[in-house]
Amino acid sequence: AWLVEDLPGGRVRVTTQETQIGQPAAALAQERPNPM
């Protein structure tokens, strides 16, 4: 999920969230550096 907000002063805020479920996601979470 990405939330893009228009802020005063010509600024923009981007908030990201992610959720992962399953064995492939669990394997990615263990990698260093984390590819996600």
PDB file of all heavy atoms in Angstrom:
ATOM      1  N   ALA A   1       0.853  -1.182   0.000  1.00  0.00           N
ATOM      2  CA  ALA A   1       0.000   0.000   0.000  1.00  0.00           C
ATOM      3  C   ALA A   1       0.892   1.236   0.000  1.00  0.00           C
ATOM      4  O   ALA A   1       1.944   1.253   0.659  1.00  0.00           O
ATOM      5  CB  ALA A   1      -0.899   0.008   1.235  1.00  0.00           C
ATOM      6  N   TRP A   2       0.478   2.220  -0.768  1.00  0.00           N
ATOM      7  CA  TRP A   2       1.195   3.483  -0.818  1.00  0.00           C
ATOM      8  C   TRP A   2       0.191   4.594  -0.579  1.00  0.00           C
ATOM      9  O   TRP A   2      -0.868   4.639  -1.210  1.00  0.00           O
ATOM     10  CB  TRP A   2       1.851   3.702  -2.187  1.00  0.00           C
ATOM     11  CG  TRP A   2       2.868   2.677  -2.536  1.00  0.00           C
ATOM     12  CD1 TRP A   2       4.186   2.679  -2.201  1.00  0.00           C
ATOM     13  CD2 TRP A   2       2.660   1.482  -3.292  1.00  0.00           C
ATOM     14  NE1 TRP A   2       4.812   1.565  -2.709  1.00  0.00           N
ATOM     15  CE2 TRP A   2       3.897   0.805  -3.385  1.00  0.00           C
ATOM     16  CE3 TRP A   2       1.548   0.896  -3.905  1.00  0.00           C
ATOM     17  CZ2 TRP A   2       4.050  -0.392  -4.057  1.00  0.00           C
ATOM     18  CZ3 TRP A   2       1.702  -0.297  -4.567  1.00  0.00           C
ATOM     19  CH2 TRP A   2       2.945  -0.926  -4.642  1.00  0.00           C
ATOM     20  N   LEU A   3       0.526   5.495   0.300  1.00  0.00           N
ATOM     21  CA  LEU A   3      -0.290   6.680   0.548  1.00  0.00           C
ATOM     22  C   LEU A   3       0.560   7.884   0.160  1.00  0.00           C
ATOM     23  O   LEU A   3       1.646   8.082   0.705  1.00  0.00           O
ATOM     24  CB  LEU A   3      -0.696   6.770   2.022  1.00  0.00           C
ATOM     25  CG  LEU A   3      -1.451   8.024   2.441  1.00  0.00           C
ATOM     26  CD1 LEU A   3      -2.779   8.132   1.707  1.00  0.00           C
ATOM     27  CD2 LEU A   3      -1.663   8.036   3.946  1.00  0.00           C
ATOM     28  N   VAL A   4       0.084   8.662  -0.805  1.00  0.00           N
ATOM     29  CA  VAL A   4       0.793   9.857  -1.271  1.00  0.00           C
ATOM     30  C   VAL A   4      -0.032  11.065  -0.851  1.00  0.00           C
ATOM     31  O   VAL A   4      -1.204  11.181  -1.225  1.00  0.00           O
ATOM     32  CB  VAL A   4       0.984   9.825  -2.798  1.00  0.00           C
ATOM     33  CG1 VAL A   4       1.736  11.058  -3.272  1.00  0.00           C
ATOM     34  CG2 VAL A   4       1.718   8.550  -3.222  1.00  0.00           C
ATOM     35  N   GLU A   5       0.569  11.941  -0.047  1.00  0.00           N
ATOM     36  CA  GLU A   5      -0.145  13.098   0.488  1.00  0.00           C
ATOM     37  C   GLU A   5       0.487  14.391   0.005  1.00  0.00           C
ATOM     38  O   GLU A   5       1.702  14.554   0.068  1.00  0.00           O
ATOM     39  CB  GLU A   5      -0.108  13.081   2.013  1.00  0.00           C
ATOM     40  CG  GLU A   5      -0.782  11.875   2.638  1.00  0.00           C
ATOM     41  CD  GLU A   5      -0.583  11.846   4.130  1.00  0.00           C
ATOM     42  OE1 GLU A   5      -1.428  12.431   4.842  1.00  0.00           O
ATOM     43  OE2 GLU A   5       0.424  11.259   4.567  1.00  0.00           O
ATOM     44  N   ASP A   6      -0.347  15.307  -0.445  1.00  0.00           N
ATOM     45  CA  ASP A   6       0.078  16.647  -0.827  1.00  0.00           C
ATOM     46  C   ASP A   6       0.167  17.481   0.447  1.00  0.00           C
ATOM     47  O   ASP A   6      -0.833  17.624   1.163  1.00  0.00           O
ATOM     48  CB  ASP A   6      -0.964  17.218  -1.790  1.00  0.00           C
ATOM     49  CG  ASP A   6      -0.413  18.274  -2.700  1.00  0.00           C
ATOM     50  OD1 ASP A   6       0.800  18.520  -2.685  1.00  0.00           O
ATOM     51  OD2 ASP A   6      -1.218  18.855  -3.443  1.00  0.00           O
ATOM     52  N   LEU A   7       1.330  18.029   0.739  1.00  0.00           N
ATOM     53  CA  LEU A   7       1.530  18.817   1.952  1.00  0.00           C
ATOM     54  C   LEU A   7       1.768  20.282   1.601  1.00  0.00           C
ATOM     55  O   LEU A   7       2.152  20.605   0.471  1.00  0.00           O
ATOM     56  CB  LEU A   7       2.731  18.277   2.737  1.00  0.00           C
ATOM     57  CG  LEU A   7       2.638  16.829   3.220  1.00  0.00           C
ATOM     58  CD1 LEU A   7       3.943  16.418   3.887  1.00  0.00           C
ATOM     59  CD2 LEU A   7       1.474  16.642   4.168  1.00  0.00           C
ATOM     60  N   PRO A   8       1.585  21.167   2.569  1.00  0.00           N
ATOM     61  CA  PRO A   8       1.859  22.591   2.329  1.00  0.00           C
ATOM     62  C   PRO A   8       3.326  22.808   1.943  1.00  0.00           C
ATOM     63  O   PRO A   8       4.200  22.015   2.283  1.00  0.00           O
ATOM     64  CB  PRO A   8       1.547  23.255   3.674  1.00  0.00           C
ATOM     65  CG  PRO A   8       0.720  22.277   4.438  1.00  0.00           C
ATOM     66  CD  PRO A   8       1.084  20.921   3.922  1.00  0.00           C
ATOM     67  N   GLY A   9       3.573  23.884   1.253  1.00  0.00           N
ATOM     68  CA  GLY A   9       4.950  24.248   0.924  1.00  0.00           C
ATOM     69  C   GLY A   9       5.531  23.447  -0.227  1.00  0.00           C
ATOM     70  O   GLY A   9       6.749  23.318  -0.333  1.00  0.00           O
ATOM     71  N   GLY A  10       4.674  22.872  -1.070  1.00  0.00           N
ATOM     72  CA  GLY A  10       5.171  22.114  -2.212  1.00  0.00           C
ATOM     73  C   GLY A  10       5.802  20.788  -1.838  1.00  0.00           C
ATOM     74  O   GLY A  10       6.601  20.235  -2.583  1.00  0.00           O
ATOM     75  N   ARG A  11       5.435  20.275  -0.672  1.00  0.00           N
ATOM     76  CA  ARG A  11       6.007  19.011  -0.207  1.00  0.00           C
ATOM     77  C   ARG A  11       5.029  17.867  -0.436  1.00  0.00           C
ATOM     78  O   ARG A  11       3.833  18.065  -0.551  1.00  0.00           O
ATOM     79  CB  ARG A  11       6.355  19.093   1.286  1.00  0.00           C
ATOM     80  CG  ARG A  11       7.391  20.144   1.591  1.00  0.00           C
ATOM     81  CD  ARG A  11       7.646  20.311   3.074  1.00  0.00           C
ATOM     82  NE  ARG A  11       6.408  20.643   3.766  1.00  0.00           N
ATOM     83  CZ  ARG A  11       6.027  20.089   4.919  1.00  0.00           C
ATOM     84  NH1 ARG A  11       6.765  19.199   5.526  1.00  0.00           N
ATOM     85  NH2 ARG A  11       4.886  20.442   5.485  1.00  0.00           N
ATOM     86  N   VAL A  12       5.575  16.670  -0.477  1.00  0.00           N
ATOM     87  CA  VAL A  12       4.778  15.449  -0.632  1.00  0.00           C
ATOM     88  C   VAL A  12       5.286  14.426   0.374  1.00  0.00           C
ATOM     89  O   VAL A  12       6.491  14.284   0.574  1.00  0.00           O
ATOM     90  CB  VAL A  12       4.905  14.878  -2.064  1.00  0.00           C
ATOM     91  CG1 VAL A  12       4.204  13.543  -2.187  1.00  0.00           C
ATOM     92  CG2 VAL A  12       4.364  15.859  -3.080  1.00  0.00           C
ATOM     93  N   ARG A  13       4.363  13.735   1.011  1.00  0.00           N
ATOM     94  CA  ARG A  13       4.731  12.649   1.925  1.00  0.00           C
ATOM     95  C   ARG A  13       4.259  11.347   1.304  1.00  0.00           C
ATOM     96  O   ARG A  13       3.118  11.228   0.870  1.00  0.00           O
ATOM     97  CB  ARG A  13       4.092  12.837   3.298  1.00  0.00           C
ATOM     98  CG  ARG A  13       4.392  11.670   4.226  1.00  0.00           C
ATOM     99  CD  ARG A  13       3.903  11.830   5.651  1.00  0.00           C
ATOM    100  NE  ARG A  13       2.680  12.593   5.770  1.00  0.00           N
ATOM    101  CZ  ARG A  13       2.465  13.494   6.728  1.00  0.00           C
ATOM    102  NH1 ARG A  13       3.373  13.770   7.629  1.00  0.00           N
ATOM    103  NH2 ARG A  13       1.320  14.148   6.788  1.00  0.00           N
ATOM    104  N   VAL A  14       5.167  10.356   1.288  1.00  0.00           N
ATOM    105  CA  VAL A  14       4.832   9.024   0.793  1.00  0.00           C
ATOM    106  C   VAL A  14       4.987   8.050   1.953  1.00  0.00           C
ATOM    107  O   VAL A  14       6.059   7.957   2.555  1.00  0.00           O
ATOM    108  CB  VAL A  14       5.747   8.597  -0.375  1.00  0.00           C
ATOM    109  CG1 VAL A  14       5.407   7.189  -0.829  1.00  0.00           C
ATOM    110  CG2 VAL A  14       5.630   9.579  -1.532  1.00  0.00           C
ATOM    111  N   THR A  15       3.914   7.343   2.283  1.00  0.00           N
ATOM    112  CA  THR A  15       3.932   6.323   3.330  1.00  0.00           C
ATOM    113  C   THR A  15       3.697   4.972   2.653  1.00  0.00           C
ATOM    114  O   THR A  15       2.794   4.841   1.830  1.00  0.00           O
ATOM    115  CB  THR A  15       2.827   6.580   4.368  1.00  0.00           C
ATOM    116  OG1 THR A  15       2.978   7.897   4.892  1.00  0.00           O
ATOM    117  CG2 THR A  15       2.894   5.570   5.502  1.00  0.00           C
ATOM    118  N   THR A  16       4.545   4.009   2.966  1.00  0.00           N
ATOM    119  CA  THR A  16       4.386   2.683   2.381  1.00  0.00           C
ATOM    120  C   THR A  16       4.184   1.655   3.479  1.00  0.00           C
ATOM    121  O   THR A  16       4.703   1.795   4.579  1.00  0.00           O
ATOM    122  CB  THR A  16       5.617   2.271   1.537  1.00  0.00           C
ATOM    123  OG1 THR A  16       6.744   2.114   2.400  1.00  0.00           O
ATOM    124  CG2 THR A  16       5.936   3.304   0.496  1.00  0.00           C
ATOM    125  N   GLN A  17       3.404   0.643   3.169  1.00  0.00           N
ATOM    126  CA  GLN A  17       3.214  -0.496   4.066  1.00  0.00           C
ATOM    127  C   GLN A  17       3.219  -1.764   3.231  1.00  0.00           C
ATOM    128  O   GLN A  17       2.853  -1.746   2.060  1.00  0.00           O
ATOM    129  CB  GLN A  17       1.894  -0.410   4.825  1.00  0.00           C
ATOM    130  CG  GLN A  17       1.844   0.661   5.853  1.00  0.00           C
ATOM    131  CD  GLN A  17       0.552   0.613   6.643  1.00  0.00           C
ATOM    132  OE1 GLN A  17      -0.501   0.251   6.132  1.00  0.00           O
ATOM    133  NE2 GLN A  17       0.640   0.984   7.901  1.00  0.00           N
ATOM    134  N   GLU A  18       3.628  -2.848   3.869  1.00  0.00           N
ATOM    135  CA  GLU A  18       3.681  -4.118   3.160  1.00  0.00           C
ATOM    136  C   GLU A  18       3.376  -5.245   4.147  1.00  0.00           C
ATOM    137  O   GLU A  18       3.715  -5.158   5.319  1.00  0.00           O
ATOM    138  CB  GLU A  18       5.082  -4.311   2.587  1.00  0.00           C
ATOM    139  CG  GLU A  18       5.310  -5.678   1.993  1.00  0.00           C
ATOM    140  CD  GLU A  18       6.766  -5.867   1.631  1.00  0.00           C
ATOM    141  OE1 GLU A  18       7.248  -5.130   0.760  1.00  0.00           O
ATOM    142  OE2 GLU A  18       7.408  -6.723   2.231  1.00  0.00           O
ATOM    143  N   THR A  19       2.747  -6.261   3.637  1.00  0.00           N
ATOM    144  CA  THR A  19       2.563  -7.481   4.409  1.00  0.00           C
ATOM    145  C   THR A  19       2.897  -8.661   3.512  1.00  0.00           C
ATOM    146  O   THR A  19       2.655  -8.626   2.315  1.00  0.00           O
ATOM    147  CB  THR A  19       1.138  -7.608   4.974  1.00  0.00           C
ATOM    148  OG1 THR A  19       1.073  -8.769   5.803  1.00  0.00           O
ATOM    149  CG2 THR A  19       0.092  -7.692   3.903  1.00  0.00           C
ATOM    150  N   GLN A  20       3.512  -9.660   4.096  1.00  0.00           N
ATOM    151  CA  GLN A  20       3.915 -10.850   3.342  1.00  0.00           C
ATOM    152  C   GLN A  20       3.470 -12.085   4.107  1.00  0.00           C
ATOM    153  O   GLN A  20       3.642 -12.158   5.319  1.00  0.00           O
ATOM    154  CB  GLN A  20       5.434 -10.896   3.180  1.00  0.00           C
ATOM    155  CG  GLN A  20       6.025  -9.700   2.509  1.00  0.00           C
ATOM    156  CD  GLN A  20       7.535  -9.761   2.470  1.00  0.00           C
ATOM    157  OE1 GLN A  20       8.148 -10.793   2.677  1.00  0.00           O
ATOM    158  NE2 GLN A  20       8.153  -8.636   2.203  1.00  0.00           N
ATOM    159  N   ILE A  21       2.921 -13.037   3.375  1.00  0.00           N
ATOM    160  CA  ILE A  21       2.478 -14.290   3.983  1.00  0.00           C
ATOM    161  C   ILE A  21       2.975 -15.431   3.108  1.00  0.00           C
ATOM    162  O   ILE A  21       2.936 -15.349   1.883  1.00  0.00           O
ATOM    163  CB  ILE A  21       0.937 -14.348   4.088  1.00  0.00           C
ATOM    164  CG1 ILE A  21       0.436 -13.195   4.952  1.00  0.00           C
ATOM    165  CG2 ILE A  21       0.463 -15.685   4.646  1.00  0.00           C
ATOM    166  CD1 ILE A  21      -1.066 -13.028   4.931  1.00  0.00           C
ATOM    167  N   GLY A  22       3.438 -16.511   3.727  1.00  0.00           N
ATOM    168  CA  GLY A  22       3.836 -17.684   2.967  1.00  0.00           C
ATOM    169  C   GLY A  22       5.331 -17.945   3.038  1.00  0.00           C
ATOM    170  O   GLY A  22       6.121 -17.114   3.477  1.00  0.00           O
ATOM    171  N   GLN A  23       5.711 -19.125   2.610  1.00  0.00           N
ATOM    172  CA  GLN A  23       7.104 -19.546   2.682  1.00  0.00           C
ATOM    173  C   GLN A  23       8.053 -18.676   1.849  1.00  0.00           C
ATOM    174  O   GLN A  23       9.120 -18.315   2.338  1.00  0.00           O
ATOM    175  CB  GLN A  23       7.227 -21.019   2.267  1.00  0.00           C
ATOM    176  CG  GLN A  23       8.601 -21.605   2.494  1.00  0.00           C
ATOM    177  CD  GLN A  23       9.072 -21.495   3.938  1.00  0.00           C
ATOM    178  OE1 GLN A  23       8.288 -21.596   4.879  1.00  0.00           O
ATOM    179  NE2 GLN A  23      10.350 -21.256   4.130  1.00  0.00           N
ATOM    180  N   PRO A  24       7.705 -18.314   0.597  1.00  0.00           N
ATOM    181  CA  PRO A  24       8.618 -17.445  -0.155  1.00  0.00           C
ATOM    182  C   PRO A  24       8.873 -16.116   0.551  1.00  0.00           C
ATOM    183  O   PRO A  24       9.999 -15.629   0.586  1.00  0.00           O
ATOM    184  CB  PRO A  24       7.905 -17.242  -1.488  1.00  0.00           C
ATOM    185  CG  PRO A  24       7.033 -18.448  -1.636  1.00  0.00           C
ATOM    186  CD  PRO A  24       6.579 -18.757  -0.227  1.00  0.00           C
ATOM    187  N   ALA A  25       7.836 -15.534   1.128  1.00  0.00           N
ATOM    188  CA  ALA A  25       7.991 -14.274   1.847  1.00  0.00           C
ATOM    189  C   ALA A  25       8.843 -14.457   3.088  1.00  0.00           C
ATOM    190  O   ALA A  25       9.687 -13.615   3.406  1.00  0.00           O
ATOM    191  CB  ALA A  25       6.624 -13.712   2.218  1.00  0.00           C
ATOM    192  N   ALA A  26       8.648 -15.556   3.795  1.00  0.00           N
ATOM    193  CA  ALA A  26       9.450 -15.829   4.992  1.00  0.00           C
ATOM    194  C   ALA A  26      10.922 -15.991   4.640  1.00  0.00           C
ATOM    195  O   ALA A  26      11.806 -15.511   5.350  1.00  0.00           O
ATOM    196  CB  ALA A  26       8.934 -17.074   5.701  1.00  0.00           C
ATOM    197  N   ALA A  27      11.189 -16.637   3.516  1.00  0.00           N
ATOM    198  CA  ALA A  27      12.582 -16.809   3.081  1.00  0.00           C
ATOM    199  C   ALA A  27      13.205 -15.462   2.719  1.00  0.00           C
ATOM    200  O   ALA A  27      14.359 -15.193   3.079  1.00  0.00           O
ATOM    201  CB  ALA A  27      12.643 -17.767   1.892  1.00  0.00           C
ATOM    202  N   LEU A  28      12.452 -14.606   2.021  1.00  0.00           N
ATOM    203  CA  LEU A  28      12.980 -13.276   1.678  1.00  0.00           C
ATOM    204  C   LEU A  28      13.290 -12.464   2.929  1.00  0.00           C
ATOM    205  O   LEU A  28      14.284 -11.738   2.968  1.00  0.00           O
ATOM    206  CB  LEU A  28      11.961 -12.507   0.830  1.00  0.00           C
ATOM    207  CG  LEU A  28      11.949 -12.753  -0.662  1.00  0.00           C
ATOM    208  CD1 LEU A  28      10.816 -11.960  -1.310  1.00  0.00           C
ATOM    209  CD2 LEU A  28      13.266 -12.393  -1.305  1.00  0.00           C
ATOM    210  N   ALA A  29      12.456 -12.573   3.938  1.00  0.00           N
ATOM    211  CA  ALA A  29      12.635 -11.803   5.160  1.00  0.00           C
ATOM    212  C   ALA A  29      13.919 -12.188   5.896  1.00  0.00           C
ATOM    213  O   ALA A  29      14.451 -11.386   6.664  1.00  0.00           O
ATOM    214  CB  ALA A  29      11.436 -11.979   6.084  1.00  0.00           C
ATOM    215  N   GLN A  30      14.424 -13.394   5.659  1.00  0.00           N
ATOM    216  CA  GLN A  30      15.640 -13.850   6.332  1.00  0.00           C
ATOM    217  C   GLN A  30      16.920 -13.449   5.598  1.00  0.00           C
ATOM    218  O   GLN A  30      17.999 -13.540   6.143  1.00  0.00           O
ATOM    219  CB  GLN A  30      15.605 -15.370   6.498  1.00  0.00           C
ATOM    220  CG  GLN A  30      14.471 -15.877   7.351  1.00  0.00           C
ATOM    221  CD  GLN A  30      14.447 -15.227   8.726  1.00  0.00           C
ATOM    222  OE1 GLN A  30      15.450 -15.162   9.415  1.00  0.00           O
ATOM    223  NE2 GLN A  30      13.286 -14.716   9.115  1.00  0.00           N
ATOM    224  N   GLU A  31      16.789 -13.008   4.337  1.00  0.00           N
ATOM    225  CA  GLU A  31      17.971 -12.642   3.558  1.00  0.00           C
ATOM    226  C   GLU A  31      18.570 -11.342   4.063  1.00  0.00           C
ATOM    227  O   GLU A  31      17.877 -10.443   4.510  1.00  0.00           O
ATOM    228  CB  GLU A  31      17.608 -12.491   2.077  1.00  0.00           C
ATOM    229  CG  GLU A  31      17.291 -13.795   1.402  1.00  0.00           C
ATOM    230  CD  GLU A  31      17.112 -13.633  -0.100  1.00  0.00           C
ATOM    231  OE1 GLU A  31      17.719 -12.718  -0.687  1.00  0.00           O
ATOM    232  OE2 GLU A  31      16.348 -14.428  -0.667  1.00  0.00           O
ATOM    233  N   ARG A  32      19.896 -11.270   4.000  1.00  0.00           N
ATOM    234  CA  ARG A  32      20.625 -10.059   4.369  1.00  0.00           C
ATOM    235  C   ARG A  32      21.578  -9.719   3.251  1.00  0.00           C
ATOM    236  O   ARG A  32      22.377 -10.556   2.887  1.00  0.00           O
ATOM    237  CB  ARG A  32      21.411 -10.241   5.676  1.00  0.00           C
ATOM    238  CG  ARG A  32      20.526 -10.538   6.871  1.00  0.00           C
ATOM    239  CD  ARG A  32      19.691  -9.307   7.248  1.00  0.00           C
ATOM    240  NE  ARG A  32      18.858  -9.544   8.402  1.00  0.00           N
ATOM    241  CZ  ARG A  32      17.587  -9.911   8.343  1.00  0.00           C
ATOM    242  NH1 ARG A  32      17.004 -10.133   7.202  1.00  0.00           N
ATOM    243  NH2 ARG A  32      16.880 -10.075   9.430  1.00  0.00           N
ATOM    244  N   PRO A  33      21.503  -8.549   2.662  1.00  0.00           N
ATOM    245  CA  PRO A  33      20.522  -7.517   2.965  1.00  0.00           C
ATOM    246  C   PRO A  33      19.135  -7.919   2.492  1.00  0.00           C
ATOM    247  O   PRO A  33      18.994  -8.719   1.573  1.00  0.00           O
ATOM    248  CB  PRO A  33      21.030  -6.297   2.187  1.00  0.00           C
ATOM    249  CG  PRO A  33      21.831  -6.863   1.072  1.00  0.00           C
ATOM    250  CD  PRO A  33      22.406  -8.154   1.582  1.00  0.00           C
ATOM    251  N   ASN A  34      18.128  -7.350   3.120  1.00  0.00           N
ATOM    252  CA  ASN A  34      16.744  -7.694   2.828  1.00  0.00           C
ATOM    253  C   ASN A  34      16.334  -7.109   1.472  1.00  0.00           C
ATOM    254  O   ASN A  34      16.289  -5.885   1.306  1.00  0.00           O
ATOM    255  CB  ASN A  34      15.838  -7.156   3.932  1.00  0.00           C
ATOM    256  CG  ASN A  34      14.405  -7.599   3.763  1.00  0.00           C
ATOM    257  OD1 ASN A  34      13.783  -7.329   2.752  1.00  0.00           O
ATOM    258  ND2 ASN A  34      13.869  -8.269   4.782  1.00  0.00           N
ATOM    259  N   PRO A  35      16.026  -7.957   0.483  1.00  0.00           N
ATOM    260  CA  PRO A  35      15.699  -7.439  -0.851  1.00  0.00           C
ATOM    261  C   PRO A  35      14.412  -6.617  -0.898  1.00  0.00           C
ATOM    262  O   PRO A  35      14.303  -5.703  -1.714  1.00  0.00           O
ATOM    263  CB  PRO A  35      15.576  -8.703  -1.712  1.00  0.00           C
ATOM    264  CG  PRO A  35      15.335  -9.817  -0.753  1.00  0.00           C
ATOM    265  CD  PRO A  35      15.984  -9.417   0.540  1.00  0.00           C
ATOM    266  N   MET A  36      13.457  -6.899  -0.038  1.00  0.00           N
ATOM    267  CA  MET A  36      12.215  -6.124  -0.048  1.00  0.00           C
ATOM    268  C   MET A  36      12.453  -4.719   0.513  1.00  0.00           C
ATOM    269  O   MET A  36      11.986  -3.729  -0.049  1.00  0.00           O
ATOM    270  CB  MET A  36      11.120  -6.838   0.742  1.00  0.00           C
ATOM    271  CG  MET A  36      10.655  -8.130   0.109  1.00  0.00           C
ATOM    272  SD  MET A  36      10.132  -7.971  -1.618  1.00  0.00           S
ATOM    273  CE  MET A  36       8.676  -6.979  -1.464  1.00  0.00           C
TER     274      MET A  36
END
